[in-house]
Amino acid sequence: MTYCVAVSVSAGMVFCSDSRTNAGVDQISTYSKMFRFDLGPARQFVVMTAGNLATTQATIAQMKKDIRQNAAINLNTVNSIGEAADYLGEVSRLQQEKHSLNGHGFQASFILGGQIAGNEHRIVMIYPEGNHITSSKDTPFLQIGESKYGKPILDRILTLDTPLETASLCAMVSMDSTMRSNLTVGPPVEVLIYKTGSFNMQRHYRFDDDSQFLRDLKRAWDNKLKEAFHQLPPLALEQQPLTPDSNSASY
């Protein structure tokens, strides 16, 4: 299983992904799911992947090949993040068709983010069918893979005005919550932080299973959650308990 999350706020973008692709009793496999396309001082892209590993690897390999061979359409020729998403979706769709078996494709989904000079930074999610959606003012983040466990913290904290460092911590807590509830998501965890207009993606971090930061983050989050829980108001503080005759029948 996979979990990837991208955040787009006014100050920039944050990308966070796990690296576990197979978790069983006697086998754990890890592959990076985050790929940087550093194409100079005028365009930068990040792609995160989820789904069939063969499909995602073939798609990334084709994108790199198109750049090397100066294909008519590649990440160096697109004029917007939307065009880049259309291109990635088409490459993915063709790879799925190429390797499909009896009409059953090996599906994959992607998050693409970046900035091209003269345009605002953006993040988009590309579905297996090749179409895509973008983040919004009300939901400044996108997720692929095992998304449900890490979504509550994103919903509660993130706005377009959230500082970039806060957004980064929010993405990491979202990942920690997912790893806590689903053993098929796990380290190494990669985080990339991009500042608006910098065209620099050097803030790329990798946290392995023995990372002290991951342990400290988990411990601090667990403790704060327990502390907050114990400060909640008592149940139905201003309500009278229901009597047996008020809302039920006796038999």
Protein backbone atom coordinates (compact mmCIF):
# COMPACT_ATOMS: atom_id res chain seq x y z
CA MET A 1 0.00 0.00 0.00
CA THR A 2 1.01 3.62 -0.43
CA TYR A 3 0.37 7.00 1.10
CA CYS A 4 1.36 10.25 -0.57
CA VAL A 5 0.18 13.75 0.26
CA ALA A 6 0.90 17.10 -1.38
CA VAL A 7 0.07 20.49 0.12
CA SER A 8 -0.16 23.74 -1.81
CA VAL A 9 -0.30 26.97 0.22
CA SER A 10 0.53 30.54 -0.72
CA ALA A 11 4.06 30.17 0.59
CA GLY A 12 4.83 27.06 -1.45
CA MET A 13 4.33 23.31 -1.66
CA VAL A 14 5.07 20.26 0.48
CA PHE A 15 5.31 16.70 -0.81
CA CYS A 16 5.39 13.68 1.51
CA SER A 17 5.49 9.97 0.62
CA ASP A 18 6.21 6.64 2.23
CA SER A 19 8.34 3.98 0.55
CA ARG A 20 6.69 0.68 1.40
CA THR A 21 5.26 -1.33 -1.49
CA ASN A 22 4.76 -4.75 0.07
CA ALA A 23 4.26 -5.66 3.72
CA GLY A 24 3.88 -9.27 4.77
CA VAL A 25 4.97 -11.52 7.58
CA ASP A 26 8.27 -12.36 5.91
CA GLN A 27 8.71 -9.72 3.21
CA ILE A 28 8.85 -5.93 3.22
CA SER A 29 9.84 -4.14 0.02
CA THR A 30 10.64 -0.46 -0.29
CA TYR A 31 10.78 1.77 -3.35
CA SER A 32 10.85 5.54 -3.53
CA LYS A 33 7.54 6.99 -4.70
CA MET A 34 8.79 10.56 -5.12
CA PHE A 35 10.58 11.73 -8.26
CA ARG A 36 12.12 15.15 -8.89
CA PHE A 37 12.42 16.68 -12.34
CA ASP A 38 14.89 19.54 -11.95
CA LEU A 39 14.75 21.17 -15.37
CA GLY A 40 16.64 24.35 -14.67
CA PRO A 41 15.86 27.80 -13.25
CA ALA A 42 12.53 28.12 -15.09
CA ARG A 43 10.68 24.87 -14.37
CA GLN A 44 10.56 22.36 -11.54
CA PHE A 45 8.34 19.30 -11.11
CA VAL A 46 7.72 16.62 -8.51
CA VAL A 47 5.79 13.41 -9.20
CA MET A 48 4.52 10.99 -6.53
CA THR A 49 3.10 7.60 -7.45
CA ALA A 50 0.62 5.03 -6.16
CA GLY A 51 -0.76 1.82 -7.60
CA ASN A 52 0.83 -0.93 -9.65
CA LEU A 53 4.60 -0.68 -9.27
CA ALA A 54 5.37 -1.85 -12.81
CA THR A 55 3.04 0.78 -14.26
CA THR A 56 4.43 3.62 -12.16
CA GLN A 57 8.03 2.69 -12.91
CA ALA A 58 7.32 2.40 -16.63
CA THR A 59 5.56 5.77 -16.62
CA ILE A 60 8.40 7.56 -14.87
CA ALA A 61 10.95 5.86 -17.14
CA GLN A 62 9.04 7.00 -20.25
CA MET A 63 8.87 10.58 -18.96
CA LYS A 64 12.63 10.61 -18.43
CA LYS A 65 13.19 9.08 -21.86
CA ASP A 66 11.00 11.73 -23.51
CA ILE A 67 13.16 14.44 -21.92
CA ARG A 68 16.42 12.80 -23.03
CA GLN A 69 15.18 12.31 -26.60
CA ASN A 70 13.55 15.75 -26.86
CA ALA A 71 10.14 14.28 -27.66
CA ALA A 72 7.56 16.65 -29.12
CA ILE A 73 5.74 16.64 -25.78
CA ASN A 74 7.69 16.30 -22.56
CA LEU A 75 8.09 18.18 -19.30
CA ASN A 76 10.45 20.61 -21.02
CA THR A 77 7.88 21.63 -23.63
CA VAL A 78 4.63 21.95 -21.67
CA ASN A 79 3.47 25.47 -20.93
CA SER A 80 1.54 24.87 -17.71
CA ILE A 81 1.05 22.40 -14.88
CA GLY A 82 -2.27 21.49 -16.48
CA GLU A 83 -0.53 20.52 -19.73
CA ALA A 84 2.03 18.55 -17.72
CA ALA A 85 -0.81 16.67 -16.01
CA ASP A 86 -2.43 15.88 -19.36
CA TYR A 87 0.89 14.57 -20.64
CA LEU A 88 1.56 12.43 -17.55
CA GLY A 89 -1.98 11.05 -17.69
CA GLU A 90 -1.57 10.03 -21.31
CA VAL A 91 1.78 8.33 -20.66
CA SER A 92 0.25 6.45 -17.72
CA ARG A 93 -2.82 5.42 -19.71
CA LEU A 94 -0.69 4.07 -22.56
CA GLN A 95 1.46 2.07 -20.13
CA GLN A 96 -1.63 0.57 -18.52
CA GLU A 97 -3.00 -0.43 -21.93
CA LYS A 98 0.37 -1.88 -22.94
CA HIS A 99 0.48 -4.19 -19.94
CA SER A 100 -3.22 -4.89 -19.51
CA LEU A 101 -4.38 -8.50 -19.31
CA ASN A 102 -7.79 -9.49 -20.66
CA GLY A 103 -8.96 -5.91 -20.41
CA HIS A 104 -7.81 -5.55 -16.80
CA GLY A 105 -5.23 -2.80 -16.59
CA PHE A 106 -2.62 -2.39 -13.91
CA GLN A 107 -3.84 0.92 -12.58
CA ALA A 108 -1.78 3.76 -11.17
CA SER A 109 -2.44 7.26 -9.92
CA PHE A 110 -0.13 10.21 -9.50
CA ILE A 111 0.30 13.57 -7.83
CA LEU A 112 2.16 16.13 -9.92
CA GLY A 113 3.30 19.45 -8.57
CA GLY A 114 5.61 22.19 -9.66
CA GLN A 115 6.06 25.62 -11.11
CA ILE A 116 6.88 27.02 -14.53
CA ALA A 117 8.25 30.55 -14.82
CA GLY A 118 5.44 33.02 -15.35
CA ASN A 119 2.87 30.73 -13.73
CA GLU A 120 1.77 30.01 -10.18
CA HIS A 121 2.81 26.81 -8.49
CA ARG A 122 0.14 24.06 -8.51
CA ILE A 123 -0.51 20.48 -7.49
CA VAL A 124 -2.76 18.08 -9.41
CA MET A 125 -3.88 14.49 -8.95
CA ILE A 126 -3.98 12.28 -12.04
CA TYR A 127 -6.43 9.37 -12.04
CA PRO A 128 -5.76 6.01 -13.76
CA GLU A 129 -8.04 7.10 -16.61
CA GLY A 130 -5.71 10.04 -17.33
CA ASN A 131 -7.95 12.88 -16.19
CA HIS A 132 -6.96 15.07 -13.26
CA ILE A 133 -8.12 17.44 -10.53
CA THR A 134 -6.35 20.23 -8.67
CA SER A 135 -6.34 21.45 -5.08
CA SER A 136 -8.66 24.29 -4.09
CA LYS A 137 -8.97 27.19 -1.70
CA ASP A 138 -11.05 25.08 0.68
CA THR A 139 -8.95 21.92 0.26
CA PRO A 140 -5.31 22.91 -0.30
CA PHE A 141 -4.03 19.34 -0.37
CA LEU A 142 -4.25 16.14 -2.43
CA GLN A 143 -3.77 12.51 -1.40
CA ILE A 144 -3.27 9.18 -3.14
CA GLY A 145 -3.13 5.70 -1.70
CA GLU A 146 -4.24 5.00 1.88
CA SER A 147 -5.67 8.46 2.48
CA LYS A 148 -8.35 8.12 5.16
CA TYR A 149 -6.17 7.93 8.28
CA GLY A 150 -4.15 11.05 7.54
CA LYS A 151 -6.97 13.27 6.30
CA PRO A 152 -8.43 14.64 9.60
CA ILE A 153 -5.32 16.59 10.55
CA LEU A 154 -5.13 18.09 7.06
CA ASP A 155 -8.77 19.16 7.18
CA ARG A 156 -8.36 20.82 10.57
CA ILE A 157 -5.08 22.65 10.11
CA LEU A 158 -4.44 23.60 6.50
CA THR A 159 -5.52 26.83 4.81
CA LEU A 160 -3.95 28.80 1.98
CA ASP A 161 -2.34 31.06 4.60
CA THR A 162 -0.70 28.24 6.56
CA PRO A 163 3.08 28.85 6.86
CA LEU A 164 5.24 26.47 4.87
CA GLU A 165 6.94 24.97 7.94
CA THR A 166 3.56 24.33 9.59
CA ALA A 167 2.29 22.70 6.40
CA SER A 168 5.38 20.47 6.41
CA LEU A 169 4.74 19.32 9.98
CA CYS A 170 1.08 18.77 9.15
CA ALA A 171 2.06 16.49 6.25
CA MET A 172 4.41 14.57 8.54
CA VAL A 173 1.75 14.11 11.23
CA SER A 174 -0.64 12.94 8.52
CA MET A 175 1.94 10.36 7.47
CA ASP A 176 2.55 9.30 11.09
CA SER A 177 -1.19 8.79 11.66
CA THR A 178 -1.38 6.64 8.54
CA MET A 179 1.61 4.51 9.50
CA ARG A 180 0.14 4.04 12.98
CA SER A 181 -3.15 2.68 11.60
CA ASN A 182 -1.92 0.78 8.53
CA LEU A 183 1.17 -1.40 8.66
CA THR A 184 1.39 -1.52 4.86
CA VAL A 185 2.48 2.14 4.91
CA GLY A 186 5.93 2.70 6.33
CA PRO A 187 9.35 4.31 6.18
CA PRO A 188 11.55 5.49 4.66
CA VAL A 189 9.51 8.70 4.53
CA GLU A 190 10.47 11.37 2.02
CA VAL A 191 9.59 15.04 2.36
CA LEU A 192 10.24 17.80 -0.17
CA ILE A 193 9.59 21.47 0.62
CA TYR A 194 9.34 24.04 -2.17
CA LYS A 195 9.19 27.79 -1.62
CA THR A 196 7.09 29.78 -4.08
CA GLY A 197 9.16 31.24 -6.90
CA SER A 198 12.44 29.71 -5.72
CA PHE A 199 12.76 27.13 -8.53
CA ASN A 200 14.83 25.17 -6.07
CA MET A 201 13.91 21.71 -4.79
CA GLN A 202 16.97 21.07 -2.65
CA ARG A 203 14.99 20.77 0.60
CA HIS A 204 14.47 17.05 0.08
CA TYR A 205 14.66 14.87 3.20
CA ARG A 206 14.56 11.13 3.83
CA PHE A 207 13.69 9.67 7.23
CA ASP A 208 14.54 5.99 7.69
CA ASP A 209 12.95 3.52 10.08
CA ASP A 210 15.50 4.37 12.79
CA SER A 211 15.06 8.14 12.42
CA GLN A 212 15.13 9.96 15.75
CA PHE A 213 12.94 12.68 14.26
CA LEU A 214 10.19 10.18 13.38
CA ARG A 215 10.33 8.75 16.89
CA ASP A 216 10.20 12.22 18.49
CA LEU A 217 7.33 13.30 16.23
CA LYS A 218 5.31 10.20 17.03
CA ARG A 219 5.91 10.53 20.78
CA ALA A 220 5.04 14.24 20.86
CA TRP A 221 1.88 13.78 18.77
CA ASP A 222 0.68 10.84 20.88
CA ASN A 223 1.25 12.77 24.11
CA LYS A 224 -0.50 15.92 22.87
CA LEU A 225 -3.49 13.92 21.62
CA LYS A 226 -3.88 12.22 25.00
CA GLU A 227 -3.52 15.56 26.78
CA ALA A 228 -6.18 17.16 24.55
CA PHE A 229 -8.51 14.20 25.04
CA HIS A 230 -8.39 14.50 28.80
CA GLN A 231 -9.29 18.19 28.54
CA LEU A 232 -12.51 17.57 26.61
CA PRO A 233 -15.77 18.67 28.32
CA PRO A 234 -17.83 15.94 30.01
CA LEU A 235 -20.39 14.17 27.87
CA ALA A 236 -23.77 15.99 27.71
CA LEU A 237 -22.73 18.44 30.42
CA GLU A 238 -25.92 20.49 30.11
CA GLN A 239 -28.27 17.70 29.16
CA GLN A 240 -30.41 15.48 31.35
CA PRO A 241 -30.11 11.73 30.74
CA LEU A 242 -33.00 10.19 28.88
CA THR A 243 -35.51 8.41 31.08
CA PRO A 244 -36.81 4.98 30.03
CA ASP A 245 -40.20 6.56 29.19
CA SER A 246 -38.92 9.48 27.15
CA ASN A 247 -37.56 7.83 24.05
CA SER A 248 -37.97 4.09 24.30
CA ALA A 249 -40.56 1.42 24.77
CA SER A 250 -40.57 -1.18 27.50
CA TYR A 251 -41.36 -4.79 26.75
